Protein backbone atom coordinates (compact mmCIF):
# COMPACT_ATOMS: atom_id res chain seq x y z
CA UNK A 1 0.00 0.00 0.00
CA UNK A 2 1.44 3.35 -0.91
CA UNK A 3 -1.46 5.75 -0.27
CA UNK A 4 -3.74 6.37 2.72
CA UNK A 5 -6.36 8.91 3.76
CA UNK A 6 -6.55 10.40 7.24
CA UNK A 7 -9.69 12.34 8.18
CA UNK A 8 -8.64 14.70 10.96
CA UNK A 9 -11.82 16.71 10.59
CA UNK A 10 -14.06 13.87 11.84
CA UNK A 11 -15.31 14.39 15.38
CA UNK A 12 -14.26 18.06 15.46
CA UNK A 13 -11.03 17.50 17.43
CA UNK A 14 -9.00 20.23 19.05
CA UNK A 15 -5.90 21.33 17.17
CA UNK A 16 -3.68 19.55 19.71
CA UNK A 17 -5.65 16.31 19.43
CA UNK A 18 -5.57 16.44 15.63
CA UNK A 19 -1.83 17.13 15.64
CA UNK A 20 -1.18 14.16 17.96
CA UNK A 21 -3.30 11.92 15.77
CA UNK A 22 -1.47 13.12 12.65
CA UNK A 23 1.96 12.37 14.13
CA UNK A 24 0.85 8.91 15.25
CA UNK A 25 -0.65 8.13 11.87
CA UNK A 26 2.48 9.27 10.04
CA UNK A 27 4.57 6.89 12.13
CA UNK A 28 2.12 4.03 11.67
CA UNK A 29 1.78 4.65 7.93
CA UNK A 30 5.54 4.60 7.43
CA UNK A 31 5.70 1.25 9.25
CA UNK A 32 2.98 -0.11 6.92
CA UNK A 33 4.86 1.03 3.81
CA UNK A 34 2.53 3.92 3.02
CA UNK A 35 4.31 6.68 1.10
CA UNK A 36 1.58 9.34 0.76
CA UNK A 37 -1.15 10.40 3.16
CA UNK A 38 -4.05 12.58 2.09
CA UNK A 39 -4.94 14.54 5.22
CA UNK A 40 -8.50 15.84 5.37
CA UNK A 41 -8.54 18.84 7.70
CA UNK A 42 -11.42 20.86 6.29
CA UNK A 43 -11.43 24.48 5.32
CA UNK A 44 -13.63 26.11 7.90
CA UNK A 45 -17.21 27.28 7.71
CA UNK A 46 -16.17 30.91 7.27
CA UNK A 47 -14.75 30.16 3.83
CA UNK A 48 -11.47 31.72 4.95
CA UNK A 49 -9.80 28.60 6.26
CA UNK A 50 -9.94 27.18 9.73
CA UNK A 51 -7.59 26.82 12.66
CA UNK A 52 -7.24 23.09 12.11
CA UNK A 53 -6.11 23.36 8.48
CA UNK A 54 -3.52 26.05 9.19
CA UNK A 55 -2.14 24.19 12.21
CA UNK A 56 -1.93 20.86 10.38
CA UNK A 57 -0.14 22.42 7.42
CA UNK A 58 2.33 24.11 9.76
CA UNK A 59 2.92 20.82 11.57
CA UNK A 60 3.50 19.03 8.26
CA UNK A 61 6.05 21.65 7.15
CA UNK A 62 7.92 21.02 10.41
CA UNK A 63 7.95 17.29 9.60
CA UNK A 64 9.76 18.13 6.34
CA UNK A 65 12.39 20.06 8.30
CA UNK A 66 12.76 17.07 10.63
CA UNK A 67 13.20 14.72 7.68
CA UNK A 68 10.02 12.74 8.41
CA UNK A 69 8.27 13.99 5.27
CA UNK A 70 9.70 14.89 1.89
CA UNK A 71 6.81 16.94 0.49
CA UNK A 72 3.75 18.79 1.75
CA UNK A 73 1.31 19.63 -1.03
CA UNK A 74 -1.74 21.78 -0.27
CA UNK A 75 -4.90 20.51 -1.94
CA UNK A 76 -5.10 23.70 -3.98
CA UNK A 77 -1.87 22.63 -5.71
CA UNK A 78 -2.73 18.91 -6.11
CA UNK A 79 -3.18 19.35 -9.83
CA UNK A 80 -1.75 18.54 -13.22
CA UNK A 81 -1.40 22.34 -13.58
CA UNK A 82 1.40 22.53 -10.98
CA UNK A 83 4.92 21.15 -11.16
CA UNK A 84 4.74 19.63 -7.68
CA UNK A 85 1.35 18.06 -8.41
CA UNK A 86 2.58 16.50 -11.65
CA UNK A 87 5.78 15.27 -9.99
CA UNK A 88 3.92 13.71 -7.06
CA UNK A 89 1.57 11.85 -9.40
CA UNK A 90 4.52 10.76 -11.52
CA UNK A 91 6.13 9.19 -8.41
CA UNK A 92 2.79 7.76 -7.20
CA UNK A 93 0.58 7.12 -10.27
CA UNK A 94 -2.34 5.79 -8.20
CA UNK A 95 -2.92 9.36 -6.98
CA UNK A 96 -4.16 10.27 -10.45
CA UNK A 97 -7.38 8.39 -9.56
CA UNK A 98 -7.96 10.32 -6.33
CA UNK A 99 -11.23 12.25 -6.40
CA UNK A 100 -9.48 15.44 -5.27
CA UNK A 101 -6.90 15.46 -8.06
CA UNK A 102 -7.40 18.61 -10.17
CA UNK A 103 -10.13 19.86 -7.79
CA UNK A 104 -8.17 22.63 -5.98
CA UNK A 105 -9.58 21.44 -2.63
CA UNK A 106 -8.27 23.67 0.20
CA UNK A 107 -9.64 21.24 2.80
CA UNK A 108 -6.93 18.65 2.18
CA UNK A 109 -3.16 18.43 2.22
CA UNK A 110 -1.03 15.61 0.85
CA UNK A 111 2.14 14.58 2.60
CA UNK A 112 4.78 12.37 1.04
CA UNK A 113 6.57 10.50 3.80
CA UNK A 114 10.36 10.34 3.78
CA UNK A 115 11.91 6.93 3.30
C-alpha atoms as a PDB file:
ATOM      1  CA  UNK A   1       0.000   0.000   0.000  1.00  0.00           C
ATOM      2  CA  UNK A   2       1.437   3.351  -0.907  1.00  0.00           C
ATOM      3  CA  UNK A   3      -1.456   5.753  -0.275  1.00  0.00           C
ATOM      4  CA  UNK A   4      -3.738   6.370   2.717  1.00  0.00           C
ATOM      5  CA  UNK A   5      -6.359   8.906   3.762  1.00  0.00           C
ATOM      6  CA  UNK A   6      -6.549  10.404   7.239  1.00  0.00           C
ATOM      7  CA  UNK A   7      -9.690  12.335   8.178  1.00  0.00           C
ATOM      8  CA  UNK A   8      -8.644  14.698  10.959  1.00  0.00           C
ATOM      9  CA  UNK A   9     -11.823  16.709  10.591  1.00  0.00           C
ATOM     10  CA  UNK A  10     -14.056  13.874  11.842  1.00  0.00           C
ATOM     11  CA  UNK A  11     -15.311  14.387  15.378  1.00  0.00           C
ATOM     12  CA  UNK A  12     -14.256  18.061  15.463  1.00  0.00           C
ATOM     13  CA  UNK A  13     -11.031  17.500  17.427  1.00  0.00           C
ATOM     14  CA  UNK A  14      -9.000  20.233  19.052  1.00  0.00           C
ATOM     15  CA  UNK A  15      -5.904  21.329  17.171  1.00  0.00           C
ATOM     16  CA  UNK A  16      -3.681  19.551  19.706  1.00  0.00           C
ATOM     17  CA  UNK A  17      -5.654  16.306  19.434  1.00  0.00           C
ATOM     18  CA  UNK A  18      -5.568  16.444  15.632  1.00  0.00           C
ATOM     19  CA  UNK A  19      -1.828  17.131  15.637  1.00  0.00           C
ATOM     20  CA  UNK A  20      -1.175  14.161  17.956  1.00  0.00           C
ATOM     21  CA  UNK A  21      -3.302  11.921  15.770  1.00  0.00           C
ATOM     22  CA  UNK A  22      -1.469  13.116  12.651  1.00  0.00           C
ATOM     23  CA  UNK A  23       1.955  12.366  14.127  1.00  0.00           C
ATOM     24  CA  UNK A  24       0.853   8.915  15.255  1.00  0.00           C
ATOM     25  CA  UNK A  25      -0.650   8.133  11.866  1.00  0.00           C
ATOM     26  CA  UNK A  26       2.479   9.271  10.039  1.00  0.00           C
ATOM     27  CA  UNK A  27       4.573   6.890  12.134  1.00  0.00           C
ATOM     28  CA  UNK A  28       2.116   4.030  11.674  1.00  0.00           C
ATOM     29  CA  UNK A  29       1.782   4.652   7.935  1.00  0.00           C
ATOM     30  CA  UNK A  30       5.540   4.603   7.433  1.00  0.00           C
ATOM     31  CA  UNK A  31       5.702   1.245   9.253  1.00  0.00           C
ATOM     32  CA  UNK A  32       2.982  -0.106   6.921  1.00  0.00           C
ATOM     33  CA  UNK A  33       4.862   1.027   3.812  1.00  0.00           C
ATOM     34  CA  UNK A  34       2.528   3.922   3.024  1.00  0.00           C
ATOM     35  CA  UNK A  35       4.312   6.675   1.103  1.00  0.00           C
ATOM     36  CA  UNK A  36       1.579   9.337   0.762  1.00  0.00           C
ATOM     37  CA  UNK A  37      -1.150  10.403   3.161  1.00  0.00           C
ATOM     38  CA  UNK A  38      -4.049  12.580   2.086  1.00  0.00           C
ATOM     39  CA  UNK A  39      -4.937  14.537   5.220  1.00  0.00           C
ATOM     40  CA  UNK A  40      -8.495  15.838   5.372  1.00  0.00           C
ATOM     41  CA  UNK A  41      -8.544  18.837   7.702  1.00  0.00           C
ATOM     42  CA  UNK A  42     -11.416  20.856   6.287  1.00  0.00           C
ATOM     43  CA  UNK A  43     -11.434  24.478   5.320  1.00  0.00           C
ATOM     44  CA  UNK A  44     -13.628  26.109   7.904  1.00  0.00           C
ATOM     45  CA  UNK A  45     -17.213  27.279   7.713  1.00  0.00           C
ATOM     46  CA  UNK A  46     -16.171  30.912   7.274  1.00  0.00           C
ATOM     47  CA  UNK A  47     -14.753  30.163   3.829  1.00  0.00           C
ATOM     48  CA  UNK A  48     -11.467  31.724   4.948  1.00  0.00           C
ATOM     49  CA  UNK A  49      -9.802  28.602   6.263  1.00  0.00           C
ATOM     50  CA  UNK A  50      -9.944  27.182   9.735  1.00  0.00           C
ATOM     51  CA  UNK A  51      -7.587  26.819  12.661  1.00  0.00           C
ATOM     52  CA  UNK A  52      -7.239  23.087  12.111  1.00  0.00           C
ATOM     53  CA  UNK A  53      -6.114  23.365   8.479  1.00  0.00           C
ATOM     54  CA  UNK A  54      -3.524  26.047   9.192  1.00  0.00           C
ATOM     55  CA  UNK A  55      -2.136  24.188  12.209  1.00  0.00           C
ATOM     56  CA  UNK A  56      -1.933  20.863  10.382  1.00  0.00           C
ATOM     57  CA  UNK A  57      -0.138  22.420   7.416  1.00  0.00           C
ATOM     58  CA  UNK A  58       2.329  24.113   9.760  1.00  0.00           C
ATOM     59  CA  UNK A  59       2.918  20.824  11.569  1.00  0.00           C
ATOM     60  CA  UNK A  60       3.502  19.034   8.260  1.00  0.00           C
ATOM     61  CA  UNK A  61       6.050  21.652   7.148  1.00  0.00           C
ATOM     62  CA  UNK A  62       7.917  21.018  10.408  1.00  0.00           C
ATOM     63  CA  UNK A  63       7.951  17.290   9.602  1.00  0.00           C
ATOM     64  CA  UNK A  64       9.756  18.132   6.339  1.00  0.00           C
ATOM     65  CA  UNK A  65      12.388  20.064   8.296  1.00  0.00           C
ATOM     66  CA  UNK A  66      12.759  17.073  10.635  1.00  0.00           C
ATOM     67  CA  UNK A  67      13.198  14.717   7.679  1.00  0.00           C
ATOM     68  CA  UNK A  68      10.017  12.736   8.407  1.00  0.00           C
ATOM     69  CA  UNK A  69       8.273  13.988   5.270  1.00  0.00           C
ATOM     70  CA  UNK A  70       9.701  14.894   1.894  1.00  0.00           C
ATOM     71  CA  UNK A  71       6.813  16.937   0.490  1.00  0.00           C
ATOM     72  CA  UNK A  72       3.751  18.795   1.745  1.00  0.00           C
ATOM     73  CA  UNK A  73       1.307  19.629  -1.028  1.00  0.00           C
ATOM     74  CA  UNK A  74      -1.744  21.780  -0.268  1.00  0.00           C
ATOM     75  CA  UNK A  75      -4.896  20.506  -1.936  1.00  0.00           C
ATOM     76  CA  UNK A  76      -5.104  23.703  -3.977  1.00  0.00           C
ATOM     77  CA  UNK A  77      -1.871  22.627  -5.715  1.00  0.00           C
ATOM     78  CA  UNK A  78      -2.728  18.914  -6.114  1.00  0.00           C
ATOM     79  CA  UNK A  79      -3.178  19.349  -9.833  1.00  0.00           C
ATOM     80  CA  UNK A  80      -1.749  18.542 -13.225  1.00  0.00           C
ATOM     81  CA  UNK A  81      -1.402  22.340 -13.580  1.00  0.00           C
ATOM     82  CA  UNK A  82       1.398  22.526 -10.981  1.00  0.00           C
ATOM     83  CA  UNK A  83       4.924  21.153 -11.158  1.00  0.00           C
ATOM     84  CA  UNK A  84       4.744  19.633  -7.683  1.00  0.00           C
ATOM     85  CA  UNK A  85       1.346  18.064  -8.409  1.00  0.00           C
ATOM     86  CA  UNK A  86       2.583  16.496 -11.648  1.00  0.00           C
ATOM     87  CA  UNK A  87       5.784  15.275  -9.994  1.00  0.00           C
ATOM     88  CA  UNK A  88       3.923  13.708  -7.063  1.00  0.00           C
ATOM     89  CA  UNK A  89       1.568  11.854  -9.405  1.00  0.00           C
ATOM     90  CA  UNK A  90       4.521  10.760 -11.518  1.00  0.00           C
ATOM     91  CA  UNK A  91       6.125   9.195  -8.409  1.00  0.00           C
ATOM     92  CA  UNK A  92       2.787   7.760  -7.198  1.00  0.00           C
ATOM     93  CA  UNK A  93       0.581   7.118 -10.266  1.00  0.00           C
ATOM     94  CA  UNK A  94      -2.342   5.786  -8.203  1.00  0.00           C
ATOM     95  CA  UNK A  95      -2.917   9.356  -6.984  1.00  0.00           C
ATOM     96  CA  UNK A  96      -4.163  10.268 -10.453  1.00  0.00           C
ATOM     97  CA  UNK A  97      -7.379   8.395  -9.560  1.00  0.00           C
ATOM     98  CA  UNK A  98      -7.960  10.321  -6.329  1.00  0.00           C
ATOM     99  CA  UNK A  99     -11.233  12.254  -6.396  1.00  0.00           C
ATOM    100  CA  UNK A 100      -9.476  15.445  -5.267  1.00  0.00           C
ATOM    101  CA  UNK A 101      -6.901  15.462  -8.055  1.00  0.00           C
ATOM    102  CA  UNK A 102      -7.404  18.611 -10.166  1.00  0.00           C
ATOM    103  CA  UNK A 103     -10.130  19.862  -7.792  1.00  0.00           C
ATOM    104  CA  UNK A 104      -8.169  22.633  -5.975  1.00  0.00           C
ATOM    105  CA  UNK A 105      -9.577  21.439  -2.629  1.00  0.00           C
ATOM    106  CA  UNK A 106      -8.273  23.671   0.202  1.00  0.00           C
ATOM    107  CA  UNK A 107      -9.644  21.238   2.797  1.00  0.00           C
ATOM    108  CA  UNK A 108      -6.927  18.647   2.176  1.00  0.00           C
ATOM    109  CA  UNK A 109      -3.157  18.430   2.221  1.00  0.00           C
ATOM    110  CA  UNK A 110      -1.028  15.615   0.847  1.00  0.00           C
ATOM    111  CA  UNK A 111       2.143  14.579   2.600  1.00  0.00           C
ATOM    112  CA  UNK A 112       4.783  12.365   1.044  1.00  0.00           C
ATOM    113  CA  UNK A 113       6.575  10.501   3.800  1.00  0.00           C
ATOM    114  CA  UNK A 114      10.358  10.339   3.778  1.00  0.00           C
ATOM    115  CA  UNK A 115      11.905   6.934   3.300  1.00  0.00           C
END
